[in-house]
Protein backbone atom coordinates (compact mmCIF):
# COMPACT_ATOMS: atom_id res chain seq x y z
CA MET A 1 0.37 51.61 55.68
CA ASN A 2 -0.98 48.45 57.20
CA LYS A 3 1.66 45.69 57.06
CA SER A 4 -0.84 43.10 55.90
CA LEU A 5 -2.00 45.41 53.13
CA VAL A 6 1.58 45.91 51.97
CA ILE A 7 2.15 42.16 51.86
CA GLY A 8 -1.10 41.68 49.96
CA LEU A 9 -0.24 44.35 47.38
CA PHE A 10 3.24 42.90 46.97
CA SER A 11 1.74 39.48 46.39
CA LEU A 12 -0.62 40.85 43.73
CA VAL A 13 2.24 42.63 41.97
CA PHE A 14 4.36 39.49 42.12
CA LEU A 15 1.57 37.35 40.72
CA GLY A 16 0.85 39.95 38.04
CA VAL A 17 4.46 39.96 36.92
CA GLY A 18 4.37 36.18 36.79
CA CYS A 19 1.26 36.19 34.64
CA LYS A 20 2.70 38.82 32.33
CA LYS A 21 5.83 36.77 31.83
CA THR A 22 3.77 33.72 30.91
CA ASP A 23 1.68 35.77 28.44
CA LEU A 24 4.84 36.90 26.65
CA SER A 25 5.65 33.26 25.88
CA PRO A 26 2.38 31.84 24.49
CA SER A 27 4.21 29.31 22.36
CA LEU A 28 5.33 27.42 25.47
CA SER A 29 1.76 26.20 25.93
CA GLU A 30 1.48 24.97 22.33
CA GLN A 31 1.05 21.28 21.59
CA ALA A 32 2.44 19.79 18.38
CA ASP A 33 -0.44 17.32 18.19
CA SER A 34 -2.93 20.20 17.93
CA PHE A 35 -2.09 21.36 14.39
CA VAL A 36 -5.20 22.02 12.31
CA GLU A 37 -5.72 23.56 8.88
CA VAL A 38 -6.40 27.30 9.11
CA GLY A 39 -5.92 28.51 5.55
CA SER A 40 -5.19 27.50 1.96
CA ILE A 41 -4.64 28.91 -1.51
CA ASP A 42 -4.75 27.34 -4.97
CA ILE A 43 -2.06 28.76 -7.29
CA GLY A 44 -2.59 26.44 -10.26
CA ASP A 45 -2.66 22.81 -11.32
CA ALA A 46 0.08 20.17 -11.57
CA GLY A 47 3.53 21.58 -10.90
CA ALA A 48 2.17 24.87 -9.59
CA ALA A 49 3.19 24.59 -5.92
CA GLU A 50 6.45 22.80 -5.26
CA ILE A 51 8.64 24.62 -2.76
CA SER A 52 7.86 27.69 -0.65
CA ALA A 53 9.83 30.07 1.57
CA TYR A 54 8.69 32.73 4.04
CA ASP A 55 9.98 36.21 4.73
CA PRO A 56 9.12 37.32 8.30
CA ILE A 57 10.00 40.94 7.43
CA THR A 58 7.36 41.41 4.72
CA LYS A 59 5.09 38.55 5.85
CA ARG A 60 5.31 37.18 2.31
CA LEU A 61 5.33 33.60 1.15
CA PHE A 62 7.27 32.84 -2.05
CA ALA A 63 6.30 29.71 -3.99
CA VAL A 64 7.87 27.96 -6.98
CA ASN A 65 5.27 27.62 -9.73
CA HIS A 66 5.97 25.18 -12.60
CA GLY A 67 2.49 25.51 -14.05
CA ILE A 68 1.64 27.16 -17.35
CA VAL A 69 4.13 29.98 -16.68
CA ASN A 70 7.56 29.47 -15.11
CA LYS A 71 7.50 31.87 -12.16
CA ILE A 72 7.76 32.54 -8.45
CA ASP A 73 4.41 33.48 -6.92
CA VAL A 74 4.35 36.10 -4.17
CA ILE A 75 1.67 35.48 -1.55
CA ASP A 76 0.58 37.88 1.18
CA LEU A 77 0.62 35.93 4.46
CA GLU A 78 -0.12 38.87 6.73
CA ASP A 79 -3.23 36.91 7.70
CA PRO A 80 -2.27 33.21 7.54
CA THR A 81 -5.95 32.27 7.52
CA ASN A 82 -6.49 34.24 4.31
CA PRO A 83 -3.42 34.03 2.04
CA LYS A 84 -3.60 36.23 -1.07
CA LEU A 85 -1.65 35.97 -4.33
CA THR A 86 -0.37 39.49 -5.02
CA ARG A 87 2.10 39.20 -7.90
CA SER A 88 4.73 36.96 -9.52
CA ILE A 89 8.39 37.06 -10.53
CA PRO A 90 8.94 35.60 -14.03
CA MET A 91 11.73 33.05 -14.26
CA ALA A 92 11.95 32.68 -18.07
CA PRO A 93 14.59 35.47 -18.40
CA TYR A 94 16.98 33.41 -16.28
CA GLY A 95 16.93 30.12 -18.22
CA GLY A 96 14.96 27.03 -17.25
CA PHE A 97 12.73 26.15 -14.33
CA ALA A 98 13.17 27.41 -10.79
CA ASN A 99 13.65 24.36 -8.59
CA SER A 100 14.04 25.73 -5.08
CA LEU A 101 14.15 28.91 -3.04
CA ASP A 102 14.98 30.20 0.43
CA VAL A 103 14.80 33.49 2.37
CA SER A 104 17.11 35.17 4.85
CA GLY A 105 17.52 38.78 5.98
CA GLY A 106 15.28 40.28 3.32
CA ARG A 107 16.88 38.30 0.51
CA LEU A 108 15.24 35.64 -1.64
CA ALA A 109 17.59 33.09 -3.25
CA VAL A 110 16.22 31.07 -6.19
CA ALA A 111 17.92 28.02 -7.76
CA ILE A 112 17.28 27.94 -11.51
CA GLU A 113 18.30 25.23 -13.96
CA ALA A 114 19.64 26.14 -17.40
CA ALA A 115 17.45 25.87 -20.52
CA VAL A 116 19.57 22.78 -21.27
CA LYS A 117 19.57 21.01 -17.91
CA GLN A 118 23.11 19.69 -18.32
CA ASP A 119 24.54 23.23 -18.55
CA PRO A 120 25.53 25.25 -15.47
CA GLY A 121 22.57 26.72 -13.62
CA LYS A 122 22.06 29.94 -11.67
CA VAL A 123 21.19 31.25 -8.25
CA VAL A 124 19.42 34.60 -8.46
CA ILE A 125 19.04 36.73 -5.35
CA PHE A 126 16.12 39.15 -5.06
CA ASP A 127 15.12 41.80 -2.55
CA THR A 128 12.02 40.52 -0.71
CA ARG A 129 10.50 44.00 -0.33
CA LEU A 130 10.77 45.51 -3.81
CA LEU A 131 11.45 42.21 -5.64
CA PHE A 132 14.33 43.60 -7.68
CA GLU A 133 17.33 41.45 -8.61
CA ILE A 134 20.32 41.90 -6.33
CA LYS A 135 22.69 39.43 -7.97
CA ALA A 136 22.77 36.44 -10.33
CA VAL A 137 25.59 33.90 -10.04
CA THR A 138 26.49 30.71 -11.89
CA VAL A 139 26.51 27.38 -10.07
CA GLY A 140 26.69 23.72 -11.13
CA ALA A 141 24.37 21.83 -13.45
CA LEU A 142 20.76 21.46 -12.32
CA PRO A 143 20.75 23.22 -8.94
CA ASP A 144 17.93 21.24 -7.34
CA MET A 145 17.90 22.80 -3.88
CA VAL A 146 19.11 26.07 -2.36
CA THR A 147 19.32 27.14 1.27
CA PHE A 148 20.76 29.93 3.41
CA SER A 149 22.86 29.10 6.45
CA PRO A 150 21.13 30.02 9.76
CA ASP A 151 23.44 33.03 10.17
CA GLY A 152 22.63 34.24 6.64
CA ASN A 153 26.30 34.39 5.60
CA TRP A 154 26.22 31.51 3.13
CA ILE A 155 24.00 30.14 0.39
CA LEU A 156 24.44 26.48 -0.60
CA THR A 157 23.05 24.59 -3.58
CA ALA A 158 22.87 20.89 -4.35
CA ASN A 159 23.63 20.65 -8.08
CA GLU A 160 22.23 17.31 -9.16
CA GLY A 161 23.93 17.09 -12.55
CA GLU A 162 21.43 14.69 -14.13
CA PRO A 163 22.46 13.12 -17.46
CA SER A 164 20.73 13.74 -20.76
CA ASN A 165 18.05 11.23 -21.72
CA ASP A 166 20.45 9.48 -24.11
CA TYR A 167 23.20 9.53 -21.46
CA GLN A 168 25.60 11.20 -23.90
CA ILE A 169 26.06 14.16 -21.57
CA ASP A 170 26.42 13.55 -17.86
CA PRO A 171 27.70 16.57 -15.89
CA GLU A 172 29.39 16.11 -12.55
CA GLY A 173 27.27 16.42 -9.44
CA THR A 174 28.52 19.36 -7.38
CA ILE A 175 27.78 21.52 -4.35
CA SER A 176 28.08 25.30 -4.63
CA ILE A 177 28.90 27.54 -1.67
CA ILE A 178 28.07 31.22 -2.13
CA ASP A 179 29.72 33.73 0.21
CA VAL A 180 27.05 36.38 0.85
CA ARG A 181 29.50 38.74 2.60
CA ASN A 182 32.01 38.62 -0.24
CA GLY A 183 29.94 39.80 -3.19
CA PHE A 184 28.18 36.42 -3.52
CA LEU A 185 31.43 34.75 -4.54
CA VAL A 186 30.82 31.16 -5.69
CA SER A 187 32.93 28.08 -4.93
CA SER A 188 31.78 24.73 -6.35
CA LEU A 189 32.90 21.43 -4.86
CA ASP A 190 33.12 18.15 -6.75
CA PHE A 191 33.75 14.57 -5.64
CA LYS A 192 36.97 13.78 -7.52
CA SER A 193 38.93 13.43 -4.27
CA PHE A 194 36.76 10.44 -3.32
CA VAL A 195 37.43 8.40 -6.47
CA SER A 196 40.19 6.47 -4.68
CA GLN A 197 37.67 5.48 -1.97
CA ARG A 198 35.15 4.12 -4.44
CA ASN A 199 35.51 0.41 -3.67
CA ASN A 200 35.36 1.00 0.07
CA LEU A 201 32.31 3.25 -0.19
CA VAL A 202 30.44 0.86 -2.47
CA SER A 203 31.23 -2.10 -0.19
CA ARG A 204 29.59 -0.15 2.66
CA GLY A 205 26.38 0.48 0.75
CA MET A 206 26.94 3.46 -1.55
CA ARG A 207 25.54 3.15 -5.09
CA ILE A 208 27.47 3.93 -8.28
CA SER A 209 24.94 2.55 -10.71
CA GLY A 210 25.01 4.56 -13.93
CA PRO A 211 25.90 2.83 -17.20
CA ASN A 212 29.23 4.62 -17.60
CA GLY A 213 30.49 3.89 -14.09
CA ASN A 214 32.14 7.30 -13.75
CA PHE A 215 32.26 8.07 -10.02
CA GLU A 216 32.17 11.86 -9.99
CA LYS A 217 29.57 12.05 -12.77
CA ASP A 218 27.40 9.42 -11.11
CA ILE A 219 27.12 11.54 -7.94
CA GLU A 220 23.78 13.39 -7.75
CA PRO A 221 23.42 15.83 -4.80
CA GLU A 222 19.76 16.33 -3.89
CA TYR A 223 19.13 18.31 -0.72
CA VAL A 224 21.09 20.37 1.82
CA ALA A 225 20.78 20.82 5.58
CA ILE A 226 23.06 23.16 7.55
CA SER A 227 24.02 22.84 11.21
CA GLU A 228 22.63 25.35 13.70
CA ASP A 229 26.06 27.00 14.08
CA SER A 230 26.35 27.43 10.28
CA LYS A 231 29.65 25.53 10.18
CA LYS A 232 28.71 22.20 8.61
CA ALA A 233 26.45 21.21 5.74
CA PHE A 234 24.97 17.79 5.06
CA VAL A 235 23.94 16.87 1.53
CA THR A 236 21.88 13.87 0.49
CA LEU A 237 23.23 12.03 -2.55
CA GLN A 238 19.91 10.39 -3.27
CA GLU A 239 20.64 8.13 -6.24
CA ASN A 240 23.91 7.17 -4.56
CA ASN A 241 22.38 6.20 -1.21
CA ALA A 242 24.77 8.41 0.75
CA ILE A 243 25.18 11.67 2.67
CA ALA A 244 28.11 14.07 2.25
CA ARG A 245 29.39 16.19 5.15
CA ILE A 246 30.91 19.57 4.25
CA ASP A 247 32.96 22.11 6.16
CA ILE A 248 31.58 25.41 4.91
CA ALA A 249 34.36 27.83 5.90
CA SER A 250 37.13 25.73 4.32
CA LYS A 251 34.87 24.71 1.42
CA THR A 252 35.77 21.05 1.62
CA ILE A 253 33.81 17.81 1.47
CA GLU A 254 35.02 16.06 4.63
CA SER A 255 33.24 12.73 4.41
CA VAL A 256 30.80 10.64 2.44
CA PHE A 257 28.56 8.36 4.52
CA PRO A 258 27.23 5.26 2.70
CA LEU A 259 23.81 4.40 4.12
CA GLY A 260 23.42 0.71 3.30
CA SER A 261 20.00 -0.96 3.28
CA ILE A 262 17.24 -2.37 5.46
CA ASP A 263 15.85 -5.91 5.51
CA PHE A 264 12.11 -6.24 4.84
CA SER A 265 12.15 -9.76 6.28
CA LYS A 266 12.82 -8.44 9.80
CA PRO A 267 10.12 -7.69 12.40
CA GLY A 268 8.83 -4.13 12.17
CA TYR A 269 9.62 -3.84 8.46
CA GLU A 270 6.61 -5.75 7.17
CA ALA A 271 5.46 -4.20 3.89
CA ASP A 272 2.73 -4.44 1.26
CA PHE A 273 4.56 -5.00 -2.04
CA SER A 274 1.64 -5.82 -4.34
CA ASP A 275 -0.87 -3.50 -5.96
CA ARG A 276 -2.79 -6.47 -7.36
CA ASP A 277 -3.52 -8.66 -4.37
CA GLY A 278 -6.92 -7.07 -3.77
CA ARG A 279 -6.06 -5.84 -0.28
CA ILE A 280 -3.58 -3.98 1.89
CA ALA A 281 -1.56 -6.58 3.80
CA PHE A 282 1.78 -6.00 5.52
CA ALA A 283 4.04 -9.06 5.58
CA SER A 284 7.71 -10.05 5.73
CA TRP A 285 9.50 -10.49 2.42
CA PRO A 286 13.00 -11.55 1.23
CA VAL A 287 13.74 -8.05 -0.04
CA ARG A 288 16.18 -5.32 0.93
CA GLY A 289 15.64 -1.58 0.54
CA TYR A 290 18.20 1.17 0.01
CA PHE A 291 17.47 4.28 2.09
CA MET A 292 18.17 6.78 -0.73
CA PRO A 293 16.99 9.92 1.11
CA ASP A 294 15.60 13.06 -0.49
CA GLY A 295 14.89 15.72 2.18
CA ILE A 296 17.22 16.18 5.14
CA ALA A 297 17.16 18.32 8.30
CA SER A 298 19.75 18.92 11.02
CA MET A 299 19.35 19.23 14.81
CA GLU A 300 21.69 19.64 17.78
CA TYR A 301 21.05 17.60 20.91
CA GLU A 302 23.32 17.05 23.93
CA GLY A 303 26.35 18.30 22.00
CA GLU A 304 25.77 16.07 18.98
CA THR A 305 24.39 16.69 15.51
CA PHE A 306 21.51 14.50 14.35
CA LEU A 307 20.27 14.26 10.78
CA PHE A 308 16.69 13.45 9.80
CA THR A 309 16.06 12.03 6.33
CA ALA A 310 12.96 11.21 4.29
CA ASN A 311 13.90 8.03 2.46
CA GLU A 312 12.05 8.48 -0.83
CA GLY A 313 14.30 6.61 -3.27
CA ASP A 314 14.86 7.55 -6.92
CA ALA A 315 15.70 5.37 -9.90
CA ARG A 316 17.77 6.10 -12.98
CA GLU A 317 15.11 5.95 -15.68
CA TYR A 318 16.27 7.28 -19.04
CA SER A 319 15.75 6.23 -22.65
CA ALA A 320 19.33 4.98 -22.82
CA PHE A 321 19.34 3.35 -19.39
CA ASN A 322 16.53 2.21 -17.10
CA GLU A 323 17.62 0.32 -14.02
CA MET A 324 14.14 -0.71 -12.83
CA ARG A 325 12.58 -4.12 -13.38
CA ARG A 326 9.59 -5.89 -11.90
CA VAL A 327 10.40 -9.07 -10.03
CA ASN A 328 8.25 -11.13 -12.41
CA THR A 329 10.70 -10.28 -15.23
CA LEU A 330 13.75 -11.56 -13.33
CA THR A 331 15.24 -15.01 -12.92
CA LEU A 332 15.67 -15.75 -9.20
CA ASP A 333 18.41 -17.99 -7.88
CA PRO A 334 16.68 -21.30 -6.92
CA ALA A 335 18.95 -21.83 -3.92
CA ARG A 336 18.22 -18.36 -2.48
CA PHE A 337 14.55 -18.36 -3.52
CA PRO A 338 13.24 -21.96 -3.42
CA ASN A 339 9.67 -20.62 -3.76
CA ALA A 340 10.57 -18.38 -6.71
CA ALA A 341 7.53 -19.38 -8.79
CA LEU A 342 5.16 -18.25 -6.04
CA LEU A 343 7.10 -15.07 -5.29
CA ARG A 344 6.97 -14.02 -8.94
CA THR A 345 3.15 -13.97 -8.97
CA ASP A 346 1.36 -10.61 -8.96
CA ALA A 347 -0.15 -11.18 -5.53
CA GLN A 348 3.30 -11.75 -4.01
CA LEU A 349 6.43 -9.94 -5.27
CA GLY A 350 5.84 -10.12 -9.01
CA ARG A 351 4.77 -6.50 -9.33
CA LEU A 352 7.48 -5.03 -7.07
CA ASN A 353 9.92 -2.65 -8.76
CA VAL A 354 13.55 -3.46 -7.97
CA THR A 355 16.89 -2.39 -9.38
CA ARG A 356 18.70 -4.63 -11.83
CA THR A 357 22.04 -3.06 -10.84
CA ALA A 358 22.32 -5.03 -7.58
CA GLY A 359 21.57 -8.52 -6.35
CA ASP A 360 23.35 -10.75 -8.87
CA ILE A 361 26.18 -11.46 -6.46
CA ASP A 362 27.94 -14.17 -8.50
CA PHE A 363 27.24 -12.57 -11.92
CA ASP A 364 25.59 -15.70 -13.29
CA GLY A 365 22.51 -13.94 -14.64
CA ASP A 366 20.05 -14.78 -11.86
CA TYR A 367 19.32 -12.70 -8.77
CA ASP A 368 20.56 -13.82 -5.37
CA SER A 369 19.05 -10.78 -3.62
CA LEU A 370 16.37 -8.23 -4.45
CA TYR A 371 16.86 -4.50 -3.79
CA THR A 372 14.10 -1.92 -3.96
CA LEU A 373 14.87 1.79 -4.08
CA ASN A 374 13.65 3.15 -0.80
CA SER A 375 13.04 2.04 2.78
CA ARG A 376 9.51 3.52 3.12
CA SER A 377 10.69 5.23 6.29
CA PHE A 378 12.36 8.27 7.79
CA SER A 379 15.66 7.88 9.59
CA VAL A 380 17.88 9.63 12.12
CA TRP A 381 21.65 9.57 11.60
CA ASN A 382 24.68 10.64 13.61
CA GLY A 383 26.08 13.72 11.87
CA GLN A 384 29.65 12.96 12.87
CA THR A 385 29.88 9.27 11.97
CA GLY A 386 26.94 8.64 9.66
CA ALA A 387 25.74 5.81 11.92
CA LEU A 388 22.04 4.97 11.92
CA VAL A 389 20.45 6.12 15.18
CA PHE A 390 16.76 5.44 14.49
CA ASP A 391 14.52 4.22 11.69
CA SER A 392 10.73 4.45 11.61
CA LYS A 393 10.52 1.05 9.90
CA ASN A 394 6.98 0.56 8.55
CA GLU A 395 5.26 3.04 10.87
CA LEU A 396 4.53 5.61 8.16
CA ASP A 397 2.73 3.11 5.94
CA THR A 398 0.84 1.45 8.77
CA LYS A 399 -0.31 4.75 10.27
CA CYS A 400 -1.53 5.89 6.85
CA ASN A 401 -3.36 2.59 6.43
CA LEU A 402 -5.13 3.03 9.78
CA TRP A 403 -5.99 6.57 8.69
CA PHE A 404 -7.36 5.29 5.33
CA SER A 405 -4.87 7.33 3.30
CA TYR A 406 -2.50 4.56 2.21
CA ASP A 407 -2.52 4.29 -1.61
CA ASP A 408 -2.45 0.60 -2.47
CA ALA A 409 -1.78 1.47 -6.12
CA ARG A 410 1.72 2.50 -4.99
CA SER A 411 2.46 -0.68 -3.05
CA ASP A 412 4.58 -2.05 -5.88
CA ASP A 413 6.79 1.05 -5.90
CA LYS A 414 7.43 3.23 -2.82
CA GLY A 415 4.41 2.94 -0.55
CA SER A 416 3.57 6.25 1.14
CA GLU A 417 6.79 7.66 -0.33
CA PRO A 418 8.33 9.93 2.33
CA GLU A 419 9.91 12.85 0.48
CA GLY A 420 10.46 15.94 2.61
CA VAL A 421 11.24 16.74 6.25
CA ALA A 422 11.10 19.92 8.30
CA LEU A 423 11.99 20.69 11.90
CA GLY A 424 10.48 23.27 14.22
CA THR A 425 10.15 24.07 17.91
CA VAL A 426 6.58 23.84 19.17
CA GLY A 427 5.84 24.51 22.82
CA GLY A 428 9.54 24.27 23.59
CA LYS A 429 9.78 20.83 21.99
CA LYS A 430 11.52 19.89 18.75
CA THR A 431 8.98 18.64 16.25
CA LEU A 432 9.54 16.77 12.98
CA PHE A 433 7.24 16.92 9.97
CA VAL A 434 7.51 14.22 7.28
CA GLY A 435 5.78 14.75 3.92
CA LEU A 436 4.26 11.60 2.40
CA GLU A 437 3.90 12.16 -1.32
CA ARG A 438 1.61 9.25 -2.19
CA SER A 439 -0.55 9.35 0.93
CA ASP A 440 -1.16 13.10 0.62
CA ALA A 441 -0.33 13.57 4.27
CA VAL A 442 2.24 14.93 6.70
CA ALA A 443 3.31 12.85 9.70
CA VAL A 444 4.09 14.80 12.89
CA TYR A 445 6.62 13.50 15.43
CA ASP A 446 7.95 14.68 18.77
CA VAL A 447 11.75 14.50 18.41
CA SER A 448 12.69 16.14 21.71
CA ASN A 449 14.91 13.08 22.02
CA PRO A 450 16.10 12.42 18.45
CA ARG A 451 17.11 8.91 19.42
CA GLN A 452 13.48 8.05 20.15
CA PRO A 453 11.00 9.95 17.94
CA VAL A 454 7.37 9.66 19.04
CA TYR A 455 4.52 9.66 16.53
CA LEU A 456 1.85 12.31 17.19
CA LYS A 457 -0.56 12.58 14.25
CA LEU A 458 -1.18 12.83 10.50
CA LEU A 459 -2.30 15.96 8.65
CA ALA A 460 -4.24 15.78 5.38
CA CYS A 461 -2.77 18.05 2.69
CA GLY A 462 -2.99 18.55 -1.06
CA ASP A 463 -2.06 16.07 -3.78
CA ALA A 464 1.61 15.05 -3.52
CA PRO A 465 3.13 17.29 -0.84
CA GLU A 466 6.53 18.50 -2.02
CA GLY A 467 7.53 21.41 0.20
CA LEU A 468 7.30 21.61 4.00
CA LEU A 469 7.94 24.94 5.73
CA PHE A 470 7.82 25.65 9.47
CA ILE A 471 7.14 29.21 10.63
CA GLY A 472 7.69 30.01 14.30
CA ALA A 473 5.01 31.63 16.45
CA LYS A 474 7.02 34.86 16.83
CA ASP A 475 7.30 35.33 13.06
CA ASN A 476 3.62 35.54 12.11
CA LYS A 477 0.59 37.61 13.11
CA LEU A 478 -1.34 34.66 14.54
CA GLY A 479 1.33 34.18 17.19
CA ARG A 480 1.09 30.41 16.74
CA SER A 481 3.41 27.89 15.12
CA LEU A 482 2.59 27.35 11.45
CA LEU A 483 3.28 24.57 8.98
CA VAL A 484 3.02 25.44 5.27
CA VAL A 485 2.61 22.48 2.91
CA SER A 486 2.99 22.93 -0.87
CA SER A 487 1.58 20.15 -3.05
CA GLU A 488 2.87 19.76 -6.61
CA ASN A 489 0.07 17.77 -8.24
CA ASP A 490 -2.78 20.19 -7.57
CA GLY A 491 -1.09 23.52 -6.83
CA ILE A 492 -2.63 23.82 -3.37
CA ILE A 493 -0.75 25.38 -0.47
CA LYS A 494 -2.21 24.59 2.94
CA ILE A 495 -1.44 26.36 6.19
CA PHE A 496 -1.72 24.56 9.51
CA ALA A 497 -1.51 26.15 12.97
CA THR A 498 -1.52 24.95 16.54
CA LYS A 499 -4.74 25.51 18.45
């Protein structure tokens, strides 16, 4: 055969192999800023679509539905552009409302509160194919979030342990670890061992703010993230403004990280704190904000663990104890606030909701500092030390304002109200999604370097996005990265995909 012909054929084969290899990895060409809505489904009204989980084996989406009937809806996601509700799993036989769910290896785990929320709750595990019950186990009071470890060997729940409305019953906040390999054996961890550290933790920015002052009962675990190697768990203690780090195998709480607060008088933290000033105006104010995160996600980078939190904030508001006050109802220390009369007007800080449990430093009845219950941001933390690595400052609110989705009626409370976070890999790059409950949007960030997140875009979703779920390109029929957003106020689930 002619030598030139051989070389030419070899070159064609070589190029063909190269092209084939590229075709087998279409996700590498994806861009995280190209997400667009491709499908949606309405499963009810308020409370009908809170949290969702996806099973790549059956191509089913499972969604918590708190609408007229307490149930888990089963949605066919074989075609993500045309989701179809196929059936439901009733939750009433198991007690109270289902609060959270997750899927791993053909198993669906559902966290269900008791009929009386202060009683121990349940985690019920179902088969994702036939939907029969595999096992039901008892966990702590009010399991608010459940998740599988990446290796599928563990199920963890954050048991919030909220008090009764009259504060006569206040169960301890706990974290349950369920050993999947050992008959779903449950171990529940409490915070009694940290009682001796109370003063130190509070001095560093942790909140123990309930009326009874009981440390372990005041703890309220909210959300769980697990490290990629399935060895560590990180739990937000939202009302307490802290994160707990857990060693899963030894079933021990290793550390509690107090998160402190941010200063809204500093550059980059300008905020709009009035819903009655007739405009949206970001300015510096003599106010501090506790982070108080809700959702949390974990990522490994250069041998370190980084934690991403959505700093929603949450007040203790019960008939027997309500910590929130508007600034115009408080007496401000004249030395700290020489312009107190002006600040207390509605167009300034008068309408802002702050906590009455902090700020009266000298206990003389007037407030030397003002603390609001969120930072209106997302943050990145060091998973080993709890140190703050990055904070988005006011970027979420200002981007929403430029996008005409900022809700000025919420300026006096939590602004855009970041609530949930999700991580995914898009085009080989780590991508962060931040749900903004009051702006009805999801912010997308490139977090390839978690120390320097880069804003990409906003996505419009349903009313009050609660659940964010990333589905990788290899796990769905479209072959593109998907983001599923469940919105609790209108029951709409939207599906976004890269172009």
